[in-house]
Amino acid sequence: MKTLAQLVDDYLRHLSIERGLSKNTISAYKRDLSSYLGYLEKHSVSEPSQILDSHITGYVNSISESGALSANSVARMLAGVRGLHRFWLFESITVGDPSSMVKPPKLPKRLPKAISISEIENLIEVSGPDPKKIDAGEPDVARIRDRAILELLYATGARISELTALNLDDLVDPTMIRLFGKGSKERIVPVGSYAQNALEVYLVRARPVLVKKGKGTPALFLNQRGSRLSRQSAWQIISDCADAAKIQSEVSPHTLRHSFATHLLEGGADVRVVQELLGHSSVATTQIYTLVTVDALREVYATSHPRARK
């Protein structure tokens, strides 16, 4: 008979092979389910048939009460546990699903945090030199790369994992780029003129210098050793640029994605077009951005219309 750990490994293989989830997603599932197995081990549970809904409720309560995790993280971890038990039921490893009766924690309604267009412009401005004003001398390859990264993130709404996974052959043409989203879903998105210029300068002036430092790689964005830029390094680049731009609110790679969607909708873009650009499988996920723009409309109306105030 397989151990619980081996049965979890079977589930992770199913997620990878059958559902095509990315390595990052599989790693997150593995981390969350390892926590769950640790809880079961402490309570002397060694077989799936021994797991009761009270065990799962106890696990959710324990990670909630620890104070180390947000309600969103607890809900995510419970979703992983539920997926595992559904898989065991489907594979006839168990005859029931004890997780089906366990309610997730109530999540606060959080709207995406976007920054203003002027803040975006400041962020990009401090990231590196203007592609049209670079002189013929020795180029600052890191800052040219950083500018291309920020321009491309804001131009496409790409996730940071999608950006760092880009290869040279994902540049379909100067105006279009191929992104691989969650579950390796492919989408083609347009690239605006500012990002095109920054990317062209990076490819001509900076990438050839960086690639010579490594062993050769198809990766689009490279670090100082000539290998693929990591998500963590890209995150740090954005954080450093936000500090340099003196942006007061917290800025992460996802802030650029949120800003991309919010600014498109504020500019009159159709929500289903934005859905396609973001790679959302459901328009309901994209519609949360419409709440942000509606709030902005209300604020403008309240402060501008002569009969809006009492």
C-alpha atoms as a PDB file:
ATOM      1  CA  MET A   1       0.000   0.000   0.000  1.00  0.00           C
ATOM      2  CA  LYS A   2       1.287   3.460  -0.918  1.00  0.00           C
ATOM      3  CA  THR A   3       2.018   6.040   1.736  1.00  0.00           C
ATOM      4  CA  LEU A   4       0.179   9.375   1.850  1.00  0.00           C
ATOM      5  CA  ALA A   5       3.292  11.082   0.497  1.00  0.00           C
ATOM      6  CA  GLN A   6       3.398   8.707  -2.483  1.00  0.00           C
ATOM      7  CA  LEU A   7      -0.300   9.277  -3.164  1.00  0.00           C
ATOM      8  CA  VAL A   8       0.281  13.023  -3.105  1.00  0.00           C
ATOM      9  CA  ASP A   9       3.128  12.564  -5.592  1.00  0.00           C
ATOM     10  CA  ASP A  10       0.696  10.688  -7.871  1.00  0.00           C
ATOM     11  CA  TYR A  11      -1.664  13.669  -7.687  1.00  0.00           C
ATOM     12  CA  LEU A  12       1.140  16.118  -8.510  1.00  0.00           C
ATOM     13  CA  ARG A  13       2.101  14.020 -11.542  1.00  0.00           C
ATOM     14  CA  HIS A  14      -1.545  14.105 -12.631  1.00  0.00           C
ATOM     15  CA  LEU A  15      -1.549  17.910 -12.371  1.00  0.00           C
ATOM     16  CA  SER A  16       1.659  18.137 -14.375  1.00  0.00           C
ATOM     17  CA  ILE A  17       0.947  15.580 -17.106  1.00  0.00           C
ATOM     18  CA  GLU A  18      -2.839  15.514 -17.452  1.00  0.00           C
ATOM     19  CA  ARG A  19      -3.625  19.139 -16.657  1.00  0.00           C
ATOM     20  CA  GLY A  20      -0.403  20.670 -17.931  1.00  0.00           C
ATOM     21  CA  LEU A  21       0.168  22.961 -14.947  1.00  0.00           C
ATOM     22  CA  SER A  22       3.424  24.904 -14.851  1.00  0.00           C
ATOM     23  CA  LYS A  23       6.417  23.965 -12.692  1.00  0.00           C
ATOM     24  CA  ASN A  24       5.820  26.987 -10.483  1.00  0.00           C
ATOM     25  CA  THR A  25       2.205  25.965  -9.875  1.00  0.00           C
ATOM     26  CA  ILE A  26       3.191  22.362  -9.153  1.00  0.00           C
ATOM     27  CA  SER A  27       5.797  23.600  -6.667  1.00  0.00           C
ATOM     28  CA  ALA A  28       3.125  25.668  -4.911  1.00  0.00           C
ATOM     29  CA  TYR A  29       0.793  22.649  -4.709  1.00  0.00           C
ATOM     30  CA  LYS A  30       3.617  20.487  -3.357  1.00  0.00           C
ATOM     31  CA  ARG A  31       4.463  23.046  -0.678  1.00  0.00           C
ATOM     32  CA  ASP A  32       0.836  23.401   0.437  1.00  0.00           C
ATOM     33  CA  LEU A  33       0.122  19.665   0.460  1.00  0.00           C
ATOM     34  CA  SER A  34       3.337  18.960   2.396  1.00  0.00           C
ATOM     35  CA  SER A  35       1.940  21.222   5.111  1.00  0.00           C
ATOM     36  CA  TYR A  36      -1.303  19.229   5.059  1.00  0.00           C
ATOM     37  CA  LEU A  37       0.549  15.907   5.309  1.00  0.00           C
ATOM     38  CA  GLY A  38       2.521  17.246   8.248  1.00  0.00           C
ATOM     39  CA  TYR A  39      -0.716  18.035  10.075  1.00  0.00           C
ATOM     40  CA  LEU A  40      -2.146  14.566   9.348  1.00  0.00           C
ATOM     41  CA  GLU A  41       1.058  12.899  10.560  1.00  0.00           C
ATOM     42  CA  LYS A  42       0.832  14.786  13.866  1.00  0.00           C
ATOM     43  CA  HIS A  43      -2.663  13.370  14.296  1.00  0.00           C
ATOM     44  CA  SER A  44      -1.577   9.791  13.543  1.00  0.00           C
ATOM     45  CA  VAL A  45      -3.335   9.628  10.160  1.00  0.00           C
ATOM     46  CA  SER A  46      -1.479   7.363   7.732  1.00  0.00           C
ATOM     47  CA  GLU A  47      -4.151   6.327   5.185  1.00  0.00           C
ATOM     48  CA  PRO A  48      -6.651   8.306   3.058  1.00  0.00           C
ATOM     49  CA  SER A  49      -9.544   6.280   4.481  1.00  0.00           C
ATOM     50  CA  GLN A  50      -8.723   7.575   7.984  1.00  0.00           C
ATOM     51  CA  ILE A  51      -9.146  11.233   7.035  1.00  0.00           C
ATOM     52  CA  LEU A  52     -12.336  12.841   8.353  1.00  0.00           C
ATOM     53  CA  ASP A  53     -13.837  16.245   7.671  1.00  0.00           C
ATOM     54  CA  SER A  54     -12.855  17.138  11.248  1.00  0.00           C
ATOM     55  CA  HIS A  55      -9.195  16.623  10.318  1.00  0.00           C
ATOM     56  CA  ILE A  56      -9.509  19.033   7.392  1.00  0.00           C
ATOM     57  CA  THR A  57     -11.423  21.576   9.473  1.00  0.00           C
ATOM     58  CA  GLY A  58      -8.762  21.283  12.167  1.00  0.00           C
ATOM     59  CA  TYR A  59      -6.028  21.818   9.595  1.00  0.00           C
ATOM     60  CA  VAL A  60      -7.724  24.933   8.172  1.00  0.00           C
ATOM     61  CA  ASN A  61      -8.235  26.308  11.688  1.00  0.00           C
ATOM     62  CA  SER A  62      -4.616  25.653  12.628  1.00  0.00           C
ATOM     63  CA  ILE A  63      -3.148  27.528   9.657  1.00  0.00           C
ATOM     64  CA  SER A  64      -5.717  30.314  10.045  1.00  0.00           C
ATOM     65  CA  GLU A  65      -5.042  30.805  13.744  1.00  0.00           C
ATOM     66  CA  SER A  66      -1.276  30.811  13.285  1.00  0.00           C
ATOM     67  CA  GLY A  67      -1.594  34.359  11.956  1.00  0.00           C
ATOM     68  CA  ALA A  68       1.194  33.742   9.453  1.00  0.00           C
ATOM     69  CA  LEU A  69      -1.108  33.415   6.437  1.00  0.00           C
ATOM     70  CA  SER A  70      -3.711  35.664   4.855  1.00  0.00           C
ATOM     71  CA  ALA A  71      -7.271  34.487   4.251  1.00  0.00           C
ATOM     72  CA  ASN A  72      -6.403  34.207   0.552  1.00  0.00           C
ATOM     73  CA  SER A  73      -3.483  31.894   1.321  1.00  0.00           C
ATOM     74  CA  VAL A  74      -5.637  29.719   3.593  1.00  0.00           C
ATOM     75  CA  ALA A  75      -8.311  29.500   0.882  1.00  0.00           C
ATOM     76  CA  ARG A  76      -5.647  28.528  -1.673  1.00  0.00           C
ATOM     77  CA  MET A  77      -4.290  25.787   0.584  1.00  0.00           C
ATOM     78  CA  LEU A  78      -7.778  24.414   1.202  1.00  0.00           C
ATOM     79  CA  ALA A  79      -8.392  24.389  -2.553  1.00  0.00           C
ATOM     80  CA  GLY A  80      -5.296  22.217  -2.937  1.00  0.00           C
ATOM     81  CA  VAL A  81      -6.548  19.815  -0.275  1.00  0.00           C
ATOM     82  CA  ARG A  82      -9.953  19.613  -1.960  1.00  0.00           C
ATOM     83  CA  GLY A  83      -8.352  18.896  -5.314  1.00  0.00           C
ATOM     84  CA  LEU A  84      -6.333  16.074  -3.754  1.00  0.00           C
ATOM     85  CA  HIS A  85      -9.418  14.455  -2.192  1.00  0.00           C
ATOM     86  CA  ARG A  86     -11.442  14.770  -5.401  1.00  0.00           C
ATOM     87  CA  PHE A  87      -8.598  13.033  -7.233  1.00  0.00           C
ATOM     88  CA  TRP A  88      -8.529  10.205  -4.682  1.00  0.00           C
ATOM     89  CA  LEU A  89     -12.291   9.779  -5.021  1.00  0.00           C
ATOM     90  CA  PHE A  90     -12.076   9.737  -8.823  1.00  0.00           C
ATOM     91  CA  GLU A  91      -9.266   7.157  -8.692  1.00  0.00           C
ATOM     92  CA  SER A  92     -11.314   5.009  -6.227  1.00  0.00           C
ATOM     93  CA  ILE A  93      -8.635   5.385  -3.571  1.00  0.00           C
ATOM     94  CA  THR A  94     -11.391   6.594  -1.232  1.00  0.00           C
ATOM     95  CA  VAL A  95     -15.168   6.108  -1.247  1.00  0.00           C
ATOM     96  CA  GLY A  96     -15.993   9.654  -0.176  1.00  0.00           C
ATOM     97  CA  ASP A  97     -14.665  13.198  -0.127  1.00  0.00           C
ATOM     98  CA  PRO A  98     -14.324  14.529   3.446  1.00  0.00           C
ATOM     99  CA  SER A  99     -13.251  17.945   2.152  1.00  0.00           C
ATOM    100  CA  SER A 100     -16.555  18.659   0.412  1.00  0.00           C
ATOM    101  CA  MET A 101     -18.228  19.800   3.639  1.00  0.00           C
ATOM    102  CA  VAL A 102     -15.416  22.099   4.774  1.00  0.00           C
ATOM    103  CA  LYS A 103     -16.108  25.767   4.097  1.00  0.00           C
ATOM    104  CA  PRO A 104     -13.282  28.073   3.044  1.00  0.00           C
ATOM    105  CA  PRO A 105     -12.633  31.263   5.032  1.00  0.00           C
ATOM    106  CA  LYS A 106     -14.524  34.361   3.954  1.00  0.00           C
ATOM    107  CA  LEU A 107     -12.309  36.481   1.755  1.00  0.00           C
ATOM    108  CA  PRO A 108     -12.300  40.267   1.898  1.00  0.00           C
ATOM    109  CA  LYS A 109     -13.260  41.876  -1.392  1.00  0.00           C
ATOM    110  CA  ARG A 110      -9.978  43.237  -2.667  1.00  0.00           C
ATOM    111  CA  LEU A 111      -9.772  45.347  -5.767  1.00  0.00           C
ATOM    112  CA  PRO A 112      -6.648  45.226  -7.931  1.00  0.00           C
ATOM    113  CA  LYS A 113      -4.158  47.964  -7.068  1.00  0.00           C
ATOM    114  CA  ALA A 114      -3.158  50.041 -10.072  1.00  0.00           C
ATOM    115  CA  ILE A 115      -0.945  53.105 -10.143  1.00  0.00           C
ATOM    116  CA  SER A 116      -1.598  56.206 -12.216  1.00  0.00           C
ATOM    117  CA  ILE A 117      -0.378  56.762 -15.761  1.00  0.00           C
ATOM    118  CA  SER A 118       2.006  59.485 -14.537  1.00  0.00           C
ATOM    119  CA  GLU A 119       3.447  57.079 -11.951  1.00  0.00           C
ATOM    120  CA  ILE A 120       3.921  54.449 -14.675  1.00  0.00           C
ATOM    121  CA  GLU A 121       5.746  57.022 -16.796  1.00  0.00           C
ATOM    122  CA  ASN A 122       8.007  57.964 -13.857  1.00  0.00           C
ATOM    123  CA  LEU A 123       8.688  54.291 -13.123  1.00  0.00           C
ATOM    124  CA  ILE A 124       9.731  53.611 -16.708  1.00  0.00           C
ATOM    125  CA  GLU A 125      11.704  56.860 -16.948  1.00  0.00           C
ATOM    126  CA  VAL A 126      13.987  55.968 -14.014  1.00  0.00           C
ATOM    127  CA  SER A 127      14.434  52.356 -15.142  1.00  0.00           C
ATOM    128  CA  GLY A 128      16.827  53.153 -17.965  1.00  0.00           C
ATOM    129  CA  PRO A 129      17.782  55.544 -20.752  1.00  0.00           C
ATOM    130  CA  ASP A 130      15.287  56.690 -23.367  1.00  0.00           C
ATOM    131  CA  PRO A 131      15.821  54.302 -26.320  1.00  0.00           C
ATOM    132  CA  LYS A 132      15.811  57.267 -28.730  1.00  0.00           C
ATOM    133  CA  LYS A 133      18.519  59.155 -26.832  1.00  0.00           C
ATOM    134  CA  ILE A 134      21.210  56.507 -26.257  1.00  0.00           C
ATOM    135  CA  ASP A 135      24.585  57.704 -27.516  1.00  0.00           C
ATOM    136  CA  ALA A 136      27.105  55.648 -29.443  1.00  0.00           C
ATOM    137  CA  GLY A 137      29.404  55.073 -26.437  1.00  0.00           C
ATOM    138  CA  GLU A 138      29.643  52.090 -24.109  1.00  0.00           C
ATOM    139  CA  PRO A 139      26.038  51.129 -23.284  1.00  0.00           C
ATOM    140  CA  ASP A 140      24.757  50.522 -19.756  1.00  0.00           C
ATOM    141  CA  VAL A 141      23.432  47.089 -20.682  1.00  0.00           C
ATOM    142  CA  ALA A 142      21.650  46.416 -17.361  1.00  0.00           C
ATOM    143  CA  ARG A 143      19.651  49.654 -17.477  1.00  0.00           C
ATOM    144  CA  ILE A 144      18.791  49.171 -21.167  1.00  0.00           C
ATOM    145  CA  ARG A 145      17.481  45.704 -20.239  1.00  0.00           C
ATOM    146  CA  ASP A 146      15.559  47.034 -17.241  1.00  0.00           C
ATOM    147  CA  ARG A 147      13.810  49.657 -19.365  1.00  0.00           C
ATOM    148  CA  ALA A 148      12.817  47.006 -21.904  1.00  0.00           C
ATOM    149  CA  ILE A 149      11.422  44.826 -19.096  1.00  0.00           C
ATOM    150  CA  LEU A 150       9.236  47.570 -17.632  1.00  0.00           C
ATOM    151  CA  GLU A 151       8.072  48.794 -21.026  1.00  0.00           C
ATOM    152  CA  LEU A 152       7.126  45.244 -22.044  1.00  0.00           C
ATOM    153  CA  LEU A 153       5.329  44.431 -18.784  1.00  0.00           C
ATOM    154  CA  TYR A 154       3.168  47.540 -19.036  1.00  0.00           C
ATOM    155  CA  ALA A 155       2.658  47.185 -22.809  1.00  0.00           C
ATOM    156  CA  THR A 156       1.439  43.579 -22.631  1.00  0.00           C
ATOM    157  CA  GLY A 157       0.053  43.022 -19.116  1.00  0.00           C
ATOM    158  CA  ALA A 158       2.265  39.931 -18.889  1.00  0.00           C
ATOM    159  CA  ARG A 159       2.755  38.069 -15.626  1.00  0.00           C
ATOM    160  CA  ILE A 160       6.343  38.178 -14.382  1.00  0.00           C
ATOM    161  CA  SER A 161       6.665  34.399 -14.919  1.00  0.00           C
ATOM    162  CA  GLU A 162       5.495  34.849 -18.523  1.00  0.00           C
ATOM    163  CA  LEU A 163       8.051  37.585 -19.132  1.00  0.00           C
ATOM    164  CA  THR A 164      11.040  35.701 -17.694  1.00  0.00           C
ATOM    165  CA  ALA A 165      10.017  32.580 -19.663  1.00  0.00           C
ATOM    166  CA  LEU A 166      10.172  34.448 -22.988  1.00  0.00           C
ATOM    167  CA  ASN A 167      12.547  33.147 -25.633  1.00  0.00           C
ATOM    168  CA  LEU A 168      13.805  34.967 -28.715  1.00  0.00           C
ATOM    169  CA  ASP A 169      11.483  33.006 -30.985  1.00  0.00           C
ATOM    170  CA  ASP A 170       8.487  34.261 -28.976  1.00  0.00           C
ATOM    171  CA  LEU A 171       8.987  37.604 -30.704  1.00  0.00           C
ATOM    172  CA  VAL A 172       6.509  36.884 -33.477  1.00  0.00           C
ATOM    173  CA  ASP A 173       7.347  40.177 -35.190  1.00  0.00           C
ATOM    174  CA  PRO A 174       8.247  43.677 -33.945  1.00  0.00           C
ATOM    175  CA  THR A 175       4.609  44.379 -33.078  1.00  0.00           C
ATOM    176  CA  MET A 176       3.483  41.040 -31.559  1.00  0.00           C
ATOM    177  CA  ILE A 177       4.740  38.713 -28.850  1.00  0.00           C
ATOM    178  CA  ARG A 178       3.823  35.165 -27.811  1.00  0.00           C
ATOM    179  CA  LEU A 179       3.137  34.555 -24.113  1.00  0.00           C
ATOM    180  CA  PHE A 180       2.554  31.251 -22.332  1.00  0.00           C
ATOM    181  CA  GLY A 181       0.187  31.671 -19.401  1.00  0.00           C
ATOM    182  CA  LYS A 182      -1.166  29.395 -16.706  1.00  0.00           C
ATOM    183  CA  GLY A 183      -1.467  25.805 -17.881  1.00  0.00           C
ATOM    184  CA  SER A 184       0.890  26.648 -20.777  1.00  0.00           C
ATOM    185  CA  LYS A 185      -1.966  28.425 -22.574  1.00  0.00           C
ATOM    186  CA  GLU A 186      -0.581  30.375 -25.496  1.00  0.00           C
ATOM    187  CA  ARG A 187      -1.717  33.857 -26.475  1.00  0.00           C
ATOM    188  CA  ILE A 188      -0.431  36.464 -28.901  1.00  0.00           C
ATOM    189  CA  VAL A 189      -0.507  40.057 -27.670  1.00  0.00           C
ATOM    190  CA  PRO A 190       0.404  43.327 -29.399  1.00  0.00           C
ATOM    191  CA  VAL A 191       3.400  45.401 -28.366  1.00  0.00           C
ATOM    192  CA  GLY A 192       3.124  49.203 -28.393  1.00  0.00           C
ATOM    193  CA  SER A 193       5.629  51.530 -30.044  1.00  0.00           C
ATOM    194  CA  TYR A 194       7.399  52.539 -26.796  1.00  0.00           C
ATOM    195  CA  ALA A 195       8.023  48.911 -25.863  1.00  0.00           C
ATOM    196  CA  GLN A 196       9.039  48.109 -29.446  1.00  0.00           C
ATOM    197  CA  ASN A 197      11.725  50.787 -29.339  1.00  0.00           C
ATOM    198  CA  ALA A 198      13.024  49.694 -25.930  1.00  0.00           C
ATOM    199  CA  LEU A 199      13.089  46.044 -26.999  1.00  0.00           C
ATOM    200  CA  GLU A 200      14.903  46.819 -30.255  1.00  0.00           C
ATOM    201  CA  VAL A 201      17.631  48.746 -28.432  1.00  0.00           C
ATOM    202  CA  TYR A 202      17.980  45.933 -25.882  1.00  0.00           C
ATOM    203  CA  LEU A 203      18.314  43.303 -28.633  1.00  0.00           C
ATOM    204  CA  VAL A 204      20.890  45.339 -30.578  1.00  0.00           C
ATOM    205  CA  ARG A 205      22.922  47.036 -27.841  1.00  0.00           C
ATOM    206  CA  ALA A 206      22.538  45.061 -24.601  1.00  0.00           C
ATOM    207  CA  ARG A 207      21.639  41.408 -25.120  1.00  0.00           C
ATOM    208  CA  PRO A 208      24.678  40.616 -27.340  1.00  0.00           C
ATOM    209  CA  VAL A 209      26.940  41.894 -24.540  1.00  0.00           C
ATOM    210  CA  LEU A 210      25.148  39.834 -21.881  1.00  0.00           C
ATOM    211  CA  VAL A 211      24.911  36.609 -23.891  1.00  0.00           C
ATOM    212  CA  LYS A 212      28.706  36.544 -24.358  1.00  0.00           C
ATOM    213  CA  LYS A 213      29.073  36.095 -20.588  1.00  0.00           C
ATOM    214  CA  GLY A 214      27.168  32.796 -20.613  1.00  0.00           C
ATOM    215  CA  LYS A 215      26.988  29.544 -22.529  1.00  0.00           C
ATOM    216  CA  GLY A 216      24.335  30.680 -24.975  1.00  0.00           C
ATOM    217  CA  THR A 217      20.627  30.585 -24.275  1.00  0.00           C
ATOM    218  CA  PRO A 218      17.408  31.249 -26.196  1.00  0.00           C
ATOM    219  CA  ALA A 219      16.103  33.329 -23.261  1.00  0.00           C
ATOM    220  CA  LEU A 220      15.074  36.866 -24.158  1.00  0.00           C
ATOM    221  CA  PHE A 221      16.036  38.560 -20.902  1.00  0.00           C
ATOM    222  CA  LEU A 222      19.448  37.720 -19.437  1.00  0.00           C
ATOM    223  CA  ASN A 223      21.239  38.405 -16.173  1.00  0.00           C
ATOM    224  CA  GLN A 224      24.820  39.643 -15.782  1.00  0.00           C
ATOM    225  CA  ARG A 225      26.112  36.040 -16.089  1.00  0.00           C
ATOM    226  CA  GLY A 226      24.480  35.577 -19.472  1.00  0.00           C
ATOM    227  CA  SER A 227      21.782  33.159 -18.302  1.00  0.00           C
ATOM    228  CA  ARG A 228      18.004  33.530 -18.080  1.00  0.00           C
ATOM    229  CA  LEU A 229      16.843  36.280 -15.731  1.00  0.00           C
ATOM    230  CA  SER A 230      14.962  34.823 -12.749  1.00  0.00           C
ATOM    231  CA  ARG A 231      11.565  35.949 -11.491  1.00  0.00           C
ATOM    232  CA  GLN A 232      13.179  37.079  -8.249  1.00  0.00           C
ATOM    233  CA  SER A 233      15.702  39.250 -10.088  1.00  0.00           C
ATOM    234  CA  ALA A 234      12.997  40.782 -12.281  1.00  0.00           C
ATOM    235  CA  TRP A 235      10.942  41.492  -9.149  1.00  0.00           C
ATOM    236  CA  GLN A 236      13.958  43.231  -7.555  1.00  0.00           C
ATOM    237  CA  ILE A 237      14.473  45.369 -10.664  1.00  0.00           C
ATOM    238  CA  ILE A 238      10.890  46.623 -10.445  1.00  0.00           C
ATOM    239  CA  SER A 239      11.163  47.232  -6.701  1.00  0.00           C
ATOM    240  CA  ASP A 240      14.383  49.233  -7.134  1.00  0.00           C
ATOM    241  CA  CYS A 241      12.804  51.323  -9.913  1.00  0.00           C
ATOM    242  CA  ALA A 242       9.750  52.029  -7.741  1.00  0.00           C
ATOM    243  CA  ASP A 243      12.055  53.272  -4.963  1.00  0.00           C
ATOM    244  CA  ALA A 244      13.967  55.460  -7.420  1.00  0.00           C
ATOM    245  CA  ALA A 245      10.702  56.886  -8.770  1.00  0.00           C
ATOM    246  CA  LYS A 246       9.572  57.602  -5.169  1.00  0.00           C
ATOM    247  CA  ILE A 247       6.236  55.879  -5.679  1.00  0.00           C
ATOM    248  CA  GLN A 248       4.542  55.773  -2.290  1.00  0.00           C
ATOM    249  CA  SER A 249       2.292  52.748  -2.841  1.00  0.00           C
ATOM    250  CA  GLU A 250       3.659  49.209  -3.015  1.00  0.00           C
ATOM    251  CA  VAL A 251       4.754  48.266  -6.534  1.00  0.00           C
ATOM    252  CA  SER A 252       5.162  44.674  -7.698  1.00  0.00           C
ATOM    253  CA  PRO A 253       5.232  43.053 -11.151  1.00  0.00           C
ATOM    254  CA  HIS A 254       1.490  42.478 -10.786  1.00  0.00           C
ATOM    255  CA  THR A 255       0.987  46.202 -10.217  1.00  0.00           C
ATOM    256  CA  LEU A 256       2.004  46.745 -13.836  1.00  0.00           C
ATOM    257  CA  ARG A 257      -0.450  44.056 -14.942  1.00  0.00           C
ATOM    258  CA  HIS A 258      -3.235  45.643 -12.885  1.00  0.00           C
ATOM    259  CA  SER A 259      -2.374  49.071 -14.278  1.00  0.00           C
ATOM    260  CA  PHE A 260      -2.348  47.727 -17.849  1.00  0.00           C
ATOM    261  CA  ALA A 261      -5.895  46.364 -17.449  1.00  0.00           C
ATOM    262  CA  THR A 262      -7.267  49.349 -15.528  1.00  0.00           C
ATOM    263  CA  HIS A 263      -5.880  51.927 -17.961  1.00  0.00           C
ATOM    264  CA  LEU A 264      -7.221  49.992 -20.962  1.00  0.00           C
ATOM    265  CA  LEU A 265     -10.720  49.883 -19.473  1.00  0.00           C
ATOM    266  CA  GLU A 266     -10.558  53.540 -18.491  1.00  0.00           C
ATOM    267  CA  GLY A 267      -9.610  54.251 -22.096  1.00  0.00           C
ATOM    268  CA  GLY A 268     -12.753  52.514 -23.347  1.00  0.00           C
ATOM    269  CA  ALA A 269     -11.466  49.007 -24.159  1.00  0.00           C
ATOM    270  CA  ASP A 270     -14.022  46.198 -24.177  1.00  0.00           C
ATOM    271  CA  VAL A 271     -13.753  43.906 -21.145  1.00  0.00           C
ATOM    272  CA  ARG A 272     -13.618  40.782 -23.344  1.00  0.00           C
ATOM    273  CA  VAL A 273     -10.676  42.186 -25.300  1.00  0.00           C
ATOM    274  CA  VAL A 274      -8.883  42.870 -22.018  1.00  0.00           C
ATOM    275  CA  GLN A 275      -9.740  39.306 -20.939  1.00  0.00           C
ATOM    276  CA  GLU A 276      -7.960  37.937 -24.028  1.00  0.00           C
ATOM    277  CA  LEU A 277      -4.949  40.187 -23.523  1.00  0.00           C
ATOM    278  CA  LEU A 278      -4.584  39.149 -19.874  1.00  0.00           C
ATOM    279  CA  GLY A 279      -5.088  35.455 -20.649  1.00  0.00           C
ATOM    280  CA  HIS A 280      -7.987  35.056 -18.213  1.00  0.00           C
ATOM    281  CA  SER A 281     -10.000  31.876 -18.804  1.00  0.00           C
ATOM    282  CA  SER A 282     -13.149  33.559 -17.480  1.00  0.00           C
ATOM    283  CA  VAL A 283     -14.400  37.090 -18.111  1.00  0.00           C
ATOM    284  CA  ALA A 284     -15.551  37.145 -14.465  1.00  0.00           C
ATOM    285  CA  THR A 285     -11.895  37.399 -13.409  1.00  0.00           C
ATOM    286  CA  THR A 286     -11.395  40.401 -15.686  1.00  0.00           C
ATOM    287  CA  GLN A 287     -14.591  42.115 -14.590  1.00  0.00           C
ATOM    288  CA  ILE A 288     -13.117  42.915 -11.175  1.00  0.00           C
ATOM    289  CA  TYR A 289     -11.141  45.636 -12.979  1.00  0.00           C
ATOM    290  CA  THR A 290     -14.393  47.243 -14.107  1.00  0.00           C
ATOM    291  CA  LEU A 291     -15.203  47.809 -10.421  1.00  0.00           C
ATOM    292  CA  VAL A 292     -12.056  49.894 -10.119  1.00  0.00           C
ATOM    293  CA  THR A 293     -12.983  52.084 -13.075  1.00  0.00           C
ATOM    294  CA  VAL A 294     -16.593  52.418 -11.884  1.00  0.00           C
ATOM    295  CA  ASP A 295     -15.296  53.672  -8.533  1.00  0.00           C
ATOM    296  CA  ALA A 296     -13.150  56.199 -10.372  1.00  0.00           C
ATOM    297  CA  LEU A 297     -16.164  57.324 -12.412  1.00  0.00           C
ATOM    298  CA  ARG A 298     -18.216  57.768  -9.250  1.00  0.00           C
ATOM    299  CA  GLU A 299     -15.480  59.872  -7.682  1.00  0.00           C
ATOM    300  CA  VAL A 300     -15.162  62.110 -10.740  1.00  0.00           C
ATOM    301  CA  TYR A 301     -18.940  62.482 -10.953  1.00  0.00           C
ATOM    302  CA  ALA A 302     -19.262  63.293  -7.252  1.00  0.00           C
ATOM    303  CA  THR A 303     -16.624  66.010  -7.425  1.00  0.00           C
ATOM    304  CA  SER A 304     -17.530  67.434 -10.834  1.00  0.00           C
ATOM    305  CA  HIS A 305     -21.299  67.416 -11.313  1.00  0.00           C
ATOM    306  CA  PRO A 306     -23.028  70.495  -9.849  1.00  0.00           C
ATOM    307  CA  ARG A 307     -25.954  68.473  -8.518  1.00  0.00           C
ATOM    308  CA  ALA A 308     -24.042  65.415  -7.326  1.00  0.00           C
ATOM    309  CA  ARG A 309     -23.414  66.829  -3.847  1.00  0.00           C
ATOM    310  CA  LYS A 310     -25.947  67.699  -1.195  1.00  0.00           C
END
